[in-house]
PDB file of N, CA and C in Angstrom:
ATOM      1  N   MET A   1       0.980  18.509  24.026  1.00  0.00           N
ATOM      2  CA  MET A   1       1.993  18.300  23.003  1.00  0.00           C
ATOM      3  C   MET A   1       2.553  16.885  23.090  1.00  0.00           C
ATOM      4  N   ASP A   2       2.655  16.358  24.304  1.00  0.00           N
ATOM      5  CA  ASP A   2       3.209  15.016  24.478  1.00  0.00           C
ATOM      6  C   ASP A   2       2.290  13.965  23.878  1.00  0.00           C
ATOM      7  N   ASP A   3       0.958  14.207  23.936  1.00  0.00           N
ATOM      8  CA  ASP A   3       0.007  13.274  23.317  1.00  0.00           C
ATOM      9  C   ASP A   3       0.203  13.226  21.805  1.00  0.00           C
ATOM     10  N   ARG A   4       0.450  14.395  21.229  1.00  0.00           N
ATOM     11  CA  ARG A   4       0.667  14.442  19.777  1.00  0.00           C
ATOM     12  C   ARG A   4       1.935  13.674  19.412  1.00  0.00           C
ATOM     13  N   ASN A   5       2.993  13.840  20.177  1.00  0.00           N
ATOM     14  CA  ASN A   5       4.240  13.110  19.914  1.00  0.00           C
ATOM     15  C   ASN A   5       4.022  11.604  20.020  1.00  0.00           C
ATOM     16  N   GLU A   6       3.202  11.199  20.979  1.00  0.00           N
ATOM     17  CA  GLU A   6       2.928   9.767  21.147  1.00  0.00           C
ATOM     18  C   GLU A   6       2.138   9.221  19.968  1.00  0.00           C
ATOM     19  N   ILE A   7       1.201  10.012  19.473  1.00  0.00           N
ATOM     20  CA  ILE A   7       0.429   9.598  18.298  1.00  0.00           C
ATOM     21  C   ILE A   7       1.349   9.438  17.087  1.00  0.00           C
ATOM     22  N   VAL A   8       2.249  10.406  16.900  1.00  0.00           N
ATOM     23  CA  VAL A   8       3.197  10.328  15.781  1.00  0.00           C
ATOM     24  C   VAL A   8       4.079   9.092  15.931  1.00  0.00           C
ATOM     25  N   ARG A   9       4.532   8.806  17.151  1.00  0.00           N
ATOM     26  CA  ARG A   9       5.355   7.606  17.389  1.00  0.00           C
ATOM     27  C   ARG A   9       4.590   6.339  16.998  1.00  0.00           C
ATOM     28  N   GLU A  10       3.309   6.275  17.395  1.00  0.00           N
ATOM     29  CA  GLU A  10       2.491   5.104  17.077  1.00  0.00           C
ATOM     30  C   GLU A  10       2.247   4.978  15.573  1.00  0.00           C
ATOM     31  N   LEU A  11       2.006   6.106  14.908  1.00  0.00           N
ATOM     32  CA  LEU A  11       1.775   6.073  13.469  1.00  0.00           C
ATOM     33  C   LEU A  11       3.046   5.711  12.697  1.00  0.00           C
ATOM     34  N   ALA A  12       4.186   6.137  13.184  1.00  0.00           N
ATOM     35  CA  ALA A  12       5.454   5.877  12.500  1.00  0.00           C
ATOM     36  C   ALA A  12       5.992   4.482  12.785  1.00  0.00           C
ATOM     37  N   ALA A  13       5.525   3.834  13.839  1.00  0.00           N
ATOM     38  CA  ALA A  13       6.087   2.540  14.256  1.00  0.00           C
ATOM     39  C   ALA A  13       6.039   1.465  13.166  1.00  0.00           C
ATOM     40  N   PRO A  14       4.921   1.266  12.448  1.00  0.00           N
ATOM     41  CA  PRO A  14       4.927   0.205  11.429  1.00  0.00           C
ATOM     42  C   PRO A  14       5.965   0.434  10.322  1.00  0.00           C
ATOM     43  N   LEU A  15       6.068   1.673   9.859  1.00  0.00           N
ATOM     44  CA  LEU A  15       7.077   1.966   8.840  1.00  0.00           C
ATOM     45  C   LEU A  15       8.480   1.892   9.424  1.00  0.00           C
ATOM     46  N   ALA A  16       8.625   2.339  10.658  1.00  0.00           N
ATOM     47  CA  ALA A  16       9.944   2.308  11.292  1.00  0.00           C
ATOM     48  C   ALA A  16      10.433   0.875  11.467  1.00  0.00           C
ATOM     49  N   SER A  17       9.521  -0.054  11.660  1.00  0.00           N
ATOM     50  CA  SER A  17       9.943  -1.452  11.803  1.00  0.00           C
ATOM     51  C   SER A  17      10.482  -2.017  10.489  1.00  0.00           C
ATOM     52  N   GLY A  18      10.118  -1.395   9.365  1.00  0.00           N
ATOM     53  CA  GLY A  18      10.638  -1.820   8.066  1.00  0.00           C
ATOM     54  C   GLY A  18      11.736  -0.923   7.531  1.00  0.00           C
ATOM     55  N   ARG A  19      12.269  -0.056   8.380  1.00  0.00           N
ATOM     56  CA  ARG A  19      13.275   0.905   7.912  1.00  0.00           C
ATOM     57  C   ARG A  19      14.539   0.224   7.413  1.00  0.00           C
ATOM     58  N   GLY A  20      14.883  -0.920   7.985  1.00  0.00           N
ATOM     59  CA  GLY A  20      16.067  -1.651   7.530  1.00  0.00           C
ATOM     60  C   GLY A  20      15.923  -2.091   6.081  1.00  0.00           C
ATOM     61  N   TRP A  21      14.739  -2.592   5.747  1.00  0.00           N
ATOM     62  CA  TRP A  21      14.479  -3.003   4.371  1.00  0.00           C
ATOM     63  C   TRP A  21      14.457  -1.805   3.436  1.00  0.00           C
ATOM     64  N   MET A  22      13.893  -0.703   3.898  1.00  0.00           N
ATOM     65  CA  MET A  22      13.862   0.504   3.075  1.00  0.00           C
ATOM     66  C   MET A  22      15.276   0.982   2.784  1.00  0.00           C
ATOM     67  N   LYS A  23      16.131   0.992   3.806  1.00  0.00           N
ATOM     68  CA  LYS A  23      17.520   1.417   3.606  1.00  0.00           C
ATOM     69  C   LYS A  23      18.253   0.438   2.705  1.00  0.00           C
ATOM     70  N   PHE A  24      18.011  -0.857   2.899  1.00  0.00           N
ATOM     71  CA  PHE A  24      18.648  -1.881   2.081  1.00  0.00           C
ATOM     72  C   PHE A  24      18.290  -1.698   0.605  1.00  0.00           C
ATOM     73  N   LEU A  25      16.981  -1.542   0.318  1.00  0.00           N
ATOM     74  CA  LEU A  25      16.539  -1.336  -1.055  1.00  0.00           C
ATOM     75  C   LEU A  25      17.043  -0.009  -1.618  1.00  0.00           C
ATOM     76  N   GLY A  26      17.135   0.999  -0.761  1.00  0.00           N
ATOM     77  CA  GLY A  26      17.682   2.282  -1.193  1.00  0.00           C
ATOM     78  C   GLY A  26      19.140   2.153  -1.609  1.00  0.00           C
ATOM     79  N   ILE A  27      19.920   1.438  -0.803  1.00  0.00           N
ATOM     80  CA  ILE A  27      21.335   1.233  -1.127  1.00  0.00           C
ATOM     81  C   ILE A  27      21.472   0.408  -2.408  1.00  0.00           C
ATOM     82  N   LEU A  28      20.674  -0.650  -2.539  1.00  0.00           N
ATOM     83  CA  LEU A  28      20.719  -1.458  -3.762  1.00  0.00           C
ATOM     84  C   LEU A  28      20.377  -0.617  -4.991  1.00  0.00           C
ATOM     85  N   SER A  29      19.402   0.242  -4.862  1.00  0.00           N
ATOM     86  CA  SER A  29      19.005   1.093  -5.976  1.00  0.00           C
ATOM     87  C   SER A  29      20.126   2.068  -6.346  1.00  0.00           C
ATOM     88  N   ILE A  30      20.766   2.649  -5.343  1.00  0.00           N
ATOM     89  CA  ILE A  30      21.883   3.569  -5.589  1.00  0.00           C
ATOM     90  C   ILE A  30      23.033   2.831  -6.266  1.00  0.00           C
ATOM     91  N   VAL A  31      23.356   1.644  -5.784  1.00  0.00           N
ATOM     92  CA  VAL A  31      24.442   0.855  -6.366  1.00  0.00           C
ATOM     93  C   VAL A  31      24.101   0.469  -7.808  1.00  0.00           C
ATOM     94  N   SER A  32      22.858   0.053  -8.059  1.00  0.00           N
ATOM     95  CA  SER A  32      22.490  -0.328  -9.424  1.00  0.00           C
ATOM     96  C   SER A  32      22.565   0.882 -10.352  1.00  0.00           C
ATOM     97  N   GLY A  33      22.176   2.043  -9.881  1.00  0.00           N
ATOM     98  CA  GLY A  33      22.302   3.253 -10.700  1.00  0.00           C
ATOM     99  C   GLY A  33      23.750   3.608 -10.958  1.00  0.00           C
ATOM    100  N   ALA A  34      24.592   3.454  -9.937  1.00  0.00           N
ATOM    101  CA  ALA A  34      26.020   3.745 -10.109  1.00  0.00           C
ATOM    102  C   ALA A  34      26.654   2.770 -11.096  1.00  0.00           C
ATOM    103  N   LEU A  35      26.275   1.498 -11.008  1.00  0.00           N
ATOM    104  CA  LEU A  35      26.807   0.516 -11.956  1.00  0.00           C
ATOM    105  C   LEU A  35      26.308   0.796 -13.368  1.00  0.00           C
ATOM    106  N   GLY A  36      25.066   1.202 -13.487  1.00  0.00           N
ATOM    107  CA  GLY A  36      24.521   1.545 -14.788  1.00  0.00           C
ATOM    108  C   GLY A  36      25.207   2.760 -15.391  1.00  0.00           C
ATOM    109  N   ALA A  37      25.656   3.671 -14.548  1.00  0.00           N
ATOM    110  CA  ALA A  37      26.318   4.884 -15.030  1.00  0.00           C
ATOM    111  C   ALA A  37      27.697   4.596 -15.601  1.00  0.00           C
ATOM    112  N   LEU A  38      28.208   3.397 -15.382  1.00  0.00           N
ATOM    113  CA  LEU A  38      29.524   3.043 -15.909  1.00  0.00           C
ATOM    114  C   LEU A  38      29.513   2.869 -17.420  1.00  0.00           C
ATOM    115  N   SER A  39      28.339   2.640 -17.991  1.00  0.00           N
ATOM    116  CA  SER A  39      28.256   2.501 -19.442  1.00  0.00           C
ATOM    117  C   SER A  39      27.732   3.803 -20.038  1.00  0.00           C
ATOM    118  N   ILE A  40      28.027   4.015 -21.289  1.00  0.00           N
ATOM    119  CA  ILE A  40      27.589   5.237 -21.962  1.00  0.00           C
ATOM    120  C   ILE A  40      26.061   5.303 -22.027  1.00  0.00           C
ATOM    121  N   VAL A  41      25.433   4.202 -22.406  1.00  0.00           N
ATOM    122  CA  VAL A  41      23.973   4.165 -22.500  1.00  0.00           C
ATOM    123  C   VAL A  41      23.357   4.302 -21.111  1.00  0.00           C
ATOM    124  N   GLY A  42      23.988   3.714 -20.109  1.00  0.00           N
ATOM    125  CA  GLY A  42      23.469   3.762 -18.753  1.00  0.00           C
ATOM    126  C   GLY A  42      23.435   5.156 -18.161  1.00  0.00           C
ATOM    127  N   LEU A  43      24.281   6.044 -18.675  1.00  0.00           N
ATOM    128  CA  LEU A  43      24.294   7.416 -18.165  1.00  0.00           C
ATOM    129  C   LEU A  43      22.964   8.120 -18.381  1.00  0.00           C
ATOM    130  N   ILE A  44      22.236   7.684 -19.400  1.00  0.00           N
ATOM    131  CA  ILE A  44      20.959   8.323 -19.725  1.00  0.00           C
ATOM    132  C   ILE A  44      19.936   8.091 -18.621  1.00  0.00           C
ATOM    133  N   TRP A  45      19.902   6.891 -18.059  1.00  0.00           N
ATOM    134  CA  TRP A  45      18.864   6.557 -17.076  1.00  0.00           C
ATOM    135  C   TRP A  45      19.396   6.284 -15.674  1.00  0.00           C
ATOM    136  N   ALA A  46      20.694   6.307 -15.457  1.00  0.00           N
ATOM    137  CA  ALA A  46      21.275   5.921 -14.169  1.00  0.00           C
ATOM    138  C   ALA A  46      20.846   6.832 -13.017  1.00  0.00           C
ATOM    139  N   TRP A  47      20.508   8.065 -13.313  1.00  0.00           N
ATOM    140  CA  TRP A  47      20.115   8.991 -12.255  1.00  0.00           C
ATOM    141  C   TRP A  47      18.793   8.592 -11.606  1.00  0.00           C
ATOM    142  N   LEU A  48      17.926   7.904 -12.338  1.00  0.00           N
ATOM    143  CA  LEU A  48      16.627   7.517 -11.769  1.00  0.00           C
ATOM    144  C   LEU A  48      16.761   6.545 -10.596  1.00  0.00           C
ATOM    145  N   PRO A  49      17.464   5.409 -10.743  1.00  0.00           N
ATOM    146  CA  PRO A  49      17.583   4.526  -9.588  1.00  0.00           C
ATOM    147  C   PRO A  49      18.367   5.167  -8.434  1.00  0.00           C
ATOM    148  N   ILE A  50      19.320   6.037  -8.769  1.00  0.00           N
ATOM    149  CA  ILE A  50      20.051   6.727  -7.704  1.00  0.00           C
ATOM    150  C   ILE A  50      19.095   7.627  -6.937  1.00  0.00           C
ATOM    151  N   TRP A  51      18.281   8.382  -7.654  1.00  0.00           N
ATOM    152  CA  TRP A  51      17.298   9.266  -7.024  1.00  0.00           C
ATOM    153  C   TRP A  51      16.311   8.464  -6.185  1.00  0.00           C
ATOM    154  N   LEU A  52      15.814   7.357  -6.725  1.00  0.00           N
ATOM    155  CA  LEU A  52      14.876   6.517  -5.978  1.00  0.00           C
ATOM    156  C   LEU A  52      15.529   5.965  -4.707  1.00  0.00           C
ATOM    157  N   GLY A  53      16.783   5.552  -4.818  1.00  0.00           N
ATOM    158  CA  GLY A  53      17.485   5.041  -3.648  1.00  0.00           C
ATOM    159  C   GLY A  53      17.652   6.100  -2.573  1.00  0.00           C
ATOM    160  N   VAL A  54      17.991   7.304  -2.984  1.00  0.00           N
ATOM    161  CA  VAL A  54      18.139   8.407  -2.022  1.00  0.00           C
ATOM    162  C   VAL A  54      16.799   8.698  -1.350  1.00  0.00           C
ATOM    163  N   LEU A  55      15.717   8.703  -2.136  1.00  0.00           N
ATOM    164  CA  LEU A  55      14.387   8.942  -1.556  1.00  0.00           C
ATOM    165  C   LEU A  55      14.032   7.882  -0.514  1.00  0.00           C
ATOM    166  N   LEU A  56      14.287   6.618  -0.836  1.00  0.00           N
ATOM    167  CA  LEU A  56      13.996   5.543   0.120  1.00  0.00           C
ATOM    168  C   LEU A  56      14.834   5.682   1.382  1.00  0.00           C
ATOM    169  N   PHE A  57      16.104   5.968   1.209  1.00  0.00           N
ATOM    170  CA  PHE A  57      16.991   6.102   2.366  1.00  0.00           C
ATOM    171  C   PHE A  57      16.553   7.279   3.241  1.00  0.00           C
ATOM    172  N   GLN A  58      16.207   8.401   2.619  1.00  0.00           N
ATOM    173  CA  GLN A  58      15.739   9.565   3.377  1.00  0.00           C
ATOM    174  C   GLN A  58      14.419   9.264   4.090  1.00  0.00           C
ATOM    175  N   ALA A  59      13.524   8.553   3.424  1.00  0.00           N
ATOM    176  CA  ALA A  59      12.248   8.203   4.049  1.00  0.00           C
ATOM    177  C   ALA A  59      12.476   7.308   5.257  1.00  0.00           C
ATOM    178  N   ALA A  60      13.372   6.330   5.122  1.00  0.00           N
ATOM    179  CA  ALA A  60      13.657   5.429   6.240  1.00  0.00           C
ATOM    180  C   ALA A  60      14.238   6.202   7.421  1.00  0.00           C
ATOM    181  N   SER A  61      15.136   7.123   7.152  1.00  0.00           N
ATOM    182  CA  SER A  61      15.728   7.922   8.225  1.00  0.00           C
ATOM    183  C   SER A  61      14.685   8.812   8.889  1.00  0.00           C
ATOM    184  N   GLY A  62      13.805   9.407   8.079  1.00  0.00           N
ATOM    185  CA  GLY A  62      12.759  10.267   8.635  1.00  0.00           C
ATOM    186  C   GLY A  62      11.765   9.501   9.481  1.00  0.00           C
ATOM    187  N   VAL A  63      11.380   8.313   9.038  1.00  0.00           N
ATOM    188  CA  VAL A  63      10.448   7.486   9.799  1.00  0.00           C
ATOM    189  C   VAL A  63      11.098   7.044  11.105  1.00  0.00           C
ATOM    190  N   GLU A  64      12.363   6.691  11.036  1.00  0.00           N
ATOM    191  CA  GLU A  64      13.081   6.290  12.246  1.00  0.00           C
ATOM    192  C   GLU A  64      13.126   7.433  13.256  1.00  0.00           C
ATOM    193  N   GLN A  65      13.423   8.642  12.776  1.00  0.00           N
ATOM    194  CA  GLN A  65      13.461   9.800  13.661  1.00  0.00           C
ATOM    195  C   GLN A  65      12.079  10.091  14.244  1.00  0.00           C
ATOM    196  N   ALA A  66      11.042   9.980  13.426  1.00  0.00           N
ATOM    197  CA  ALA A  66       9.679  10.231  13.905  1.00  0.00           C
ATOM    198  C   ALA A  66       9.260   9.204  14.942  1.00  0.00           C
ATOM    199  N   ALA A  67       9.658   7.937  14.746  1.00  0.00           N
ATOM    200  CA  ALA A  67       9.291   6.892  15.702  1.00  0.00           C
ATOM    201  C   ALA A  67       9.990   7.085  17.040  1.00  0.00           C
ATOM    202  N   ILE A  68      11.180   7.651  17.003  1.00  0.00           N
ATOM    203  CA  ILE A  68      11.939   7.860  18.247  1.00  0.00           C
ATOM    204  C   ILE A  68      11.487   9.129  18.964  1.00  0.00           C
ATOM    205  N   SER A  69      11.402  10.233  18.207  1.00  0.00           N
ATOM    206  CA  SER A  69      11.147  11.523  18.842  1.00  0.00           C
ATOM    207  C   SER A  69       9.683  11.957  18.821  1.00  0.00           C
ATOM    208  N   GLY A  70       8.890  11.363  17.929  1.00  0.00           N
ATOM    209  CA  GLY A  70       7.503  11.796  17.798  1.00  0.00           C
ATOM    210  C   GLY A  70       7.379  13.078  17.006  1.00  0.00           C
ATOM    211  N   ASP A  71       8.406  13.405  16.233  1.00  0.00           N
ATOM    212  CA  ASP A  71       8.425  14.631  15.447  1.00  0.00           C
ATOM    213  C   ASP A  71       7.511  14.498  14.231  1.00  0.00           C
ATOM    214  N   ALA A  72       6.431  15.286  14.218  1.00  0.00           N
ATOM    215  CA  ALA A  72       5.449  15.208  13.133  1.00  0.00           C
ATOM    216  C   ALA A  72       6.038  15.675  11.808  1.00  0.00           C
ATOM    217  N   THR A  73       6.918  16.665  11.835  1.00  0.00           N
ATOM    218  CA  THR A  73       7.518  17.174  10.605  1.00  0.00           C
ATOM    219  C   THR A  73       8.362  16.094   9.932  1.00  0.00           C
ATOM    220  N   SER A  74       9.134  15.350  10.712  1.00  0.00           N
ATOM    221  CA  SER A  74       9.938  14.254  10.156  1.00  0.00           C
ATOM    222  C   SER A  74       9.047  13.185   9.547  1.00  0.00           C
ATOM    223  N   PHE A  75       7.935  12.905  10.211  1.00  0.00           N
ATOM    224  CA  PHE A  75       7.018  11.873   9.721  1.00  0.00           C
ATOM    225  C   PHE A  75       6.372  12.288   8.404  1.00  0.00           C
ATOM    226  N   VAL A  76       5.920  13.536   8.321  1.00  0.00           N
ATOM    227  CA  VAL A  76       5.287  14.027   7.097  1.00  0.00           C
ATOM    228  C   VAL A  76       6.307  14.091   5.958  1.00  0.00           C
ATOM    229  N   THR A  77       7.519  14.526   6.265  1.00  0.00           N
ATOM    230  CA  THR A  77       8.575  14.572   5.242  1.00  0.00           C
ATOM    231  C   THR A  77       8.880  13.174   4.724  1.00  0.00           C
ATOM    232  N   ALA A  78       8.955  12.201   5.629  1.00  0.00           N
ATOM    233  CA  ALA A  78       9.215  10.814   5.227  1.00  0.00           C
ATOM    234  C   ALA A  78       8.081  10.292   4.349  1.00  0.00           C
ATOM    235  N   GLN A  79       6.849  10.617   4.705  1.00  0.00           N
ATOM    236  CA  GLN A  79       5.713  10.182   3.892  1.00  0.00           C
ATOM    237  C   GLN A  79       5.746  10.822   2.507  1.00  0.00           C
ATOM    238  N   ASN A  80       6.130  12.084   2.439  1.00  0.00           N
ATOM    239  CA  ASN A  80       6.237  12.752   1.144  1.00  0.00           C
ATOM    240  C   ASN A  80       7.327  12.119   0.287  1.00  0.00           C
ATOM    241  N   ARG A  81       8.428  11.713   0.912  1.00  0.00           N
ATOM    242  CA  ARG A  81       9.497  11.032   0.166  1.00  0.00           C
ATOM    243  C   ARG A  81       9.000   9.682  -0.367  1.00  0.00           C
ATOM    244  N   LEU A  82       8.248   8.959   0.460  1.00  0.00           N
ATOM    245  CA  LEU A  82       7.687   7.679   0.002  1.00  0.00           C
ATOM    246  C   LEU A  82       6.679   7.889  -1.119  1.00  0.00           C
ATOM    247  N   ARG A  83       5.852   8.915  -1.007  1.00  0.00           N
ATOM    248  CA  ARG A  83       4.880   9.228  -2.057  1.00  0.00           C
ATOM    249  C   ARG A  83       5.599   9.504  -3.371  1.00  0.00           C
ATOM    250  N   LEU A  84       6.644  10.328  -3.321  1.00  0.00           N
ATOM    251  CA  LEU A  84       7.395  10.649  -4.523  1.00  0.00           C
ATOM    252  C   LEU A  84       8.070   9.405  -5.100  1.00  0.00           C
ATOM    253  N   TYR A  85       8.581   8.539  -4.226  1.00  0.00           N
ATOM    254  CA  TYR A  85       9.195   7.286  -4.662  1.00  0.00           C
ATOM    255  C   TYR A  85       8.187   6.459  -5.472  1.00  0.00           C
ATOM    256  N   PHE A  86       6.984   6.313  -4.956  1.00  0.00           N
ATOM    257  CA  PHE A  86       5.969   5.507  -5.633  1.00  0.00           C
ATOM    258  C   PHE A  86       5.468   6.179  -6.914  1.00  0.00           C
ATOM    259  N   VAL A  87       5.362   7.494  -6.924  1.00  0.00           N
ATOM    260  CA  VAL A  87       4.945   8.199  -8.137  1.00  0.00           C
ATOM    261  C   VAL A  87       5.980   7.995  -9.242  1.00  0.00           C
ATOM    262  N   ILE A  88       7.261   8.167  -8.907  1.00  0.00           N
ATOM    263  CA  ILE A  88       8.320   7.989  -9.904  1.00  0.00           C
ATOM    264  C   ILE A  88       8.339   6.548 -10.398  1.00  0.00           C
ATOM    265  N   ASN A  89       8.220   5.591  -9.489  1.00  0.00           N
ATOM    266  CA  ASN A  89       8.183   4.179  -9.886  1.00  0.00           C
ATOM    267  C   ASN A  89       6.992   3.905 -10.798  1.00  0.00           C
ATOM    268  N   GLY A  90       5.835   4.454 -10.471  1.00  0.00           N
ATOM    269  CA  GLY A  90       4.648   4.257 -11.296  1.00  0.00           C
ATOM    270  C   GLY A  90       4.820   4.829 -12.688  1.00  0.00           C
ATOM    271  N   VAL A  91       5.377   6.020 -12.786  1.00  0.00           N
ATOM    272  CA  VAL A  91       5.616   6.633 -14.091  1.00  0.00           C
ATOM    273  C   VAL A  91       6.619   5.805 -14.880  1.00  0.00           C
ATOM    274  N   MET A  92       7.662   5.314 -14.222  1.00  0.00           N
ATOM    275  CA  MET A  92       8.656   4.482 -14.910  1.00  0.00           C
ATOM    276  C   MET A  92       8.005   3.209 -15.452  1.00  0.00           C
ATOM    277  N   ILE A  93       7.118   2.605 -14.693  1.00  0.00           N
ATOM    278  CA  ILE A  93       6.448   1.383 -15.146  1.00  0.00           C
ATOM    279  C   ILE A  93       5.522   1.683 -16.328  1.00  0.00           C
ATOM    280  N   ILE A  94       4.805   2.793 -16.278  1.00  0.00           N
ATOM    281  CA  ILE A  94       3.940   3.172 -17.392  1.00  0.00           C
ATOM    282  C   ILE A  94       4.768   3.397 -18.655  1.00  0.00           C
ATOM    283  N   VAL A  95       5.881   4.104 -18.529  1.00  0.00           N
ATOM    284  CA  VAL A  95       6.758   4.349 -19.678  1.00  0.00           C
ATOM    285  C   VAL A  95       7.319   3.033 -20.209  1.00  0.00           C
ATOM    286  N   ALA A  96       7.723   2.137 -19.301  1.00  0.00           N
ATOM    287  CA  ALA A  96       8.269   0.840 -19.730  1.00  0.00           C
ATOM    288  C   ALA A  96       7.211   0.036 -20.488  1.00  0.00           C
ATOM    289  N   PHE A  97       5.982   0.000 -19.984  1.00  0.00           N
ATOM    290  CA  PHE A  97       4.903  -0.709 -20.687  1.00  0.00           C
ATOM    291  C   PHE A  97       4.645  -0.092 -22.053  1.00  0.00           C
ATOM    292  N   ALA A  98       4.658   1.238 -22.134  1.00  0.00           N
ATOM    293  CA  ALA A  98       4.438   1.909 -23.412  1.00  0.00           C
ATOM    294  C   ALA A  98       5.544   1.552 -24.406  1.00  0.00           C
ATOM    295  N   LEU A  99       6.787   1.519 -23.923  1.00  0.00           N
ATOM    296  CA  LEU A  99       7.897   1.151 -24.804  1.00  0.00           C
ATOM    297  C   LEU A  99       7.788  -0.300 -25.263  1.00  0.00           C
ATOM    298  N   VAL A 100       7.355  -1.185 -24.380  1.00  0.00           N
ATOM    299  CA  VAL A 100       7.168  -2.593 -24.761  1.00  0.00           C
ATOM    300  C   VAL A 100       6.082  -2.709 -25.826  1.00  0.00           C
ATOM    301  N   VAL A 101       4.988  -1.999 -25.643  1.00  0.00           N
ATOM    302  CA  VAL A 101       3.895  -2.039 -26.625  1.00  0.00           C
ATOM    303  C   VAL A 101       4.385  -1.501 -27.976  1.00  0.00           C
ATOM    304  N   LEU A 102       5.112  -0.381 -27.951  1.00  0.00           N
ATOM    305  CA  LEU A 102       5.652   0.161 -29.201  1.00  0.00           C
ATOM    306  C   LEU A 102       6.616  -0.818 -29.858  1.00  0.00           C
ATOM    307  N   PHE A 103       7.454  -1.448 -29.054  1.00  0.00           N
ATOM    308  CA  PHE A 103       8.393  -2.429 -29.595  1.00  0.00           C
ATOM    309  C   PHE A 103       7.644  -3.596 -30.225  1.00  0.00           C
ATOM    310  N   LEU A 104       6.608  -4.065 -29.549  1.00  0.00           N
ATOM    311  CA  LEU A 104       5.835  -5.174 -30.101  1.00  0.00           C
ATOM    312  C   LEU A 104       5.130  -4.785 -31.396  1.00  0.00           C
ATOM    313  N   ILE A 105       4.582  -3.576 -31.427  1.00  0.00           N
ATOM    314  CA  ILE A 105       3.891  -3.124 -32.635  1.00  0.00           C
ATOM    315  C   ILE A 105       4.872  -2.987 -33.793  1.00  0.00           C
ATOM    316  N   PHE A 106       5.940  -2.214 -33.577  1.00  0.00           N
ATOM    317  CA  PHE A 106       6.880  -1.975 -34.676  1.00  0.00           C
ATOM    318  C   PHE A 106       7.714  -3.213 -34.976  1.00  0.00           C
ATOM    319  N   GLY A 107       8.059  -3.979 -33.963  1.00  0.00           N
ATOM    320  CA  GLY A 107       8.783  -5.230 -34.188  1.00  0.00           C
ATOM    321  C   GLY A 107       7.921  -6.232 -34.924  1.00  0.00           C
ATOM    322  N   GLY A 108       6.667  -6.292 -34.573  1.00  0.00           N
ATOM    323  CA  GLY A 108       5.734  -7.184 -35.262  1.00  0.00           C
ATOM    324  C   GLY A 108       5.535  -6.771 -36.707  1.00  0.00           C
ATOM    325  N   MET A 109       5.436  -5.456 -36.919  1.00  0.00           N
ATOM    326  CA  MET A 109       5.290  -4.974 -38.295  1.00  0.00           C
ATOM    327  C   MET A 109       6.539  -5.306 -39.108  1.00  0.00           C
ATOM    328  N   ALA A 110       7.705  -5.104 -38.541  1.00  0.00           N
ATOM    329  CA  ALA A 110       8.949  -5.414 -39.244  1.00  0.00           C
ATOM    330  C   ALA A 110       9.030  -6.908 -39.548  1.00  0.00           C
ATOM    331  N   LEU A 111       8.603  -7.728 -38.616  1.00  0.00           N
ATOM    332  CA  LEU A 111       8.614  -9.173 -38.830  1.00  0.00           C
ATOM    333  C   LEU A 111       7.648  -9.567 -39.945  1.00  0.00           C
ATOM    334  N   LEU A 112       6.457  -8.986 -39.952  1.00  0.00           N
ATOM    335  CA  LEU A 112       5.488  -9.273 -41.007  1.00  0.00           C
ATOM    336  C   LEU A 112       5.996  -8.827 -42.372  1.00  0.00           C
ATOM    337  N   ILE A 113       6.632  -7.671 -42.424  1.00  0.00           N
ATOM    338  CA  ILE A 113       7.196  -7.178 -43.686  1.00  0.00           C
ATOM    339  C   ILE A 113       8.303  -8.112 -44.166  1.00  0.00           C
ATOM    340  N   ALA A 114       9.157  -8.543 -43.247  1.00  0.00           N
ATOM    341  CA  ALA A 114      10.242  -9.453 -43.618  1.00  0.00           C
ATOM    342  C   ALA A 114       9.692 -10.789 -44.103  1.00  0.00           C
ATOM    343  N   LEU A 115       8.679 -11.296 -43.431  1.00  0.00           N
ATOM    344  CA  LEU A 115       8.074 -12.562 -43.865  1.00  0.00           C
ATOM    345  C   LEU A 115       7.385 -12.416 -45.216  1.00  0.00           C
ATOM    346  N   ALA A 116       6.700 -11.304 -45.413  1.00  0.00           N
ATOM    347  CA  ALA A 116       6.031 -11.074 -46.696  1.00  0.00           C
ATOM    348  C   ALA A 116       7.055 -10.954 -47.818  1.00  0.00           C
ATOM    349  N   ALA A 117       8.153 -10.272 -47.567  1.00  0.00           N
ATOM    350  CA  ALA A 117       9.194 -10.112 -48.578  1.00  0.00           C
ATOM    351  C   ALA A 117       9.828 -11.465 -48.889  1.00  0.00           C
ATOM    352  N   HIS A 118       9.965 -12.300 -47.880  1.00  0.00           N
ATOM    353  CA  HIS A 118      10.558 -13.619 -48.083  1.00  0.00           C
ATOM    354  C   HIS A 118       9.641 -14.512 -48.923  1.00  0.00           C
ATOM    355  N   HIS A 119       8.356 -14.425 -48.683  1.00  0.00           N
ATOM    356  CA  HIS A 119       7.404 -15.266 -49.413  1.00  0.00           C
ATOM    357  C   HIS A 119       7.146 -14.790 -50.834  1.00  0.00           C
ATOM    358  N   THR A 120       7.359 -13.531 -51.110  1.00  0.00           N
ATOM    359  CA  THR A 120       7.113 -13.025 -52.457  1.00  0.00           C
ATOM    360  C   THR A 120       8.356 -13.054 -53.334  1.00  0.00           C
ATOM    361  N   SER A 121       9.515 -13.306 -52.759  1.00  0.00           N
ATOM    362  CA  SER A 121      10.737 -13.350 -53.573  1.00  0.00           C
ATOM    363  C   SER A 121      10.791 -14.662 -54.336  1.00  0.00           C
ATOM    364  N   PRO A 122      11.289 -14.605 -55.575  1.00  0.00           N
ATOM    365  CA  PRO A 122      11.372 -15.849 -56.371  1.00  0.00           C
ATOM    366  C   PRO A 122      12.429 -16.802 -55.806  1.00  0.00           C
ATOM    367  N   THR A 123      12.110 -18.049 -55.834  1.00  0.00           N
ATOM    368  CA  THR A 123      13.048 -19.062 -55.348  1.00  0.00           C
ATOM    369  C   THR A 123      13.884 -19.576 -56.504  1.00  0.00           C
ATOM    370  N   LEU A 124      15.116 -19.867 -56.210  1.00  0.00           N
ATOM    371  CA  LEU A 124      16.006 -20.358 -57.274  1.00  0.00           C
ATOM    372  C   LEU A 124      16.045 -21.841 -57.341  1.00  0.00           C
TER     373      LEU A 124
END
C-alpha cells in the first residue's frame, strides 16, 4: 500500500507544484464572476466563471492533498475537477466562436443592406 501512495505522490507532484497558480486563477475567476453578477446582464453568465473558479480551487486542494498523503481518491477527484474545468472552458469557447460568426454574418448582412439602401436612395 505504501508503494501505491508513493506513486500517487509522484504523479501528483507536477500539478501540486502549480497549485498556487491554480488557486490564484480560481480566485480571479470567482471574483470576475462576482463582479459580473453586479450588473443585470451579468447575472445571466456570472455563474460560469464562479463555477470554473470553484472547480480550479477544488482541484488545487485535491492535488495538494494527494501530493502530501498519497491519497489516490483525492488525486482522481482533482483530475476529474480539472477535466470538467477544461470541458466547460472548451464549450464556452465554441459557443463564443459561434456567436462571433453569427454576429459577423448578420452584422455583415445588415451593413450590406444599409449600404445598398444608401446607394439606391435619390440624392438631393
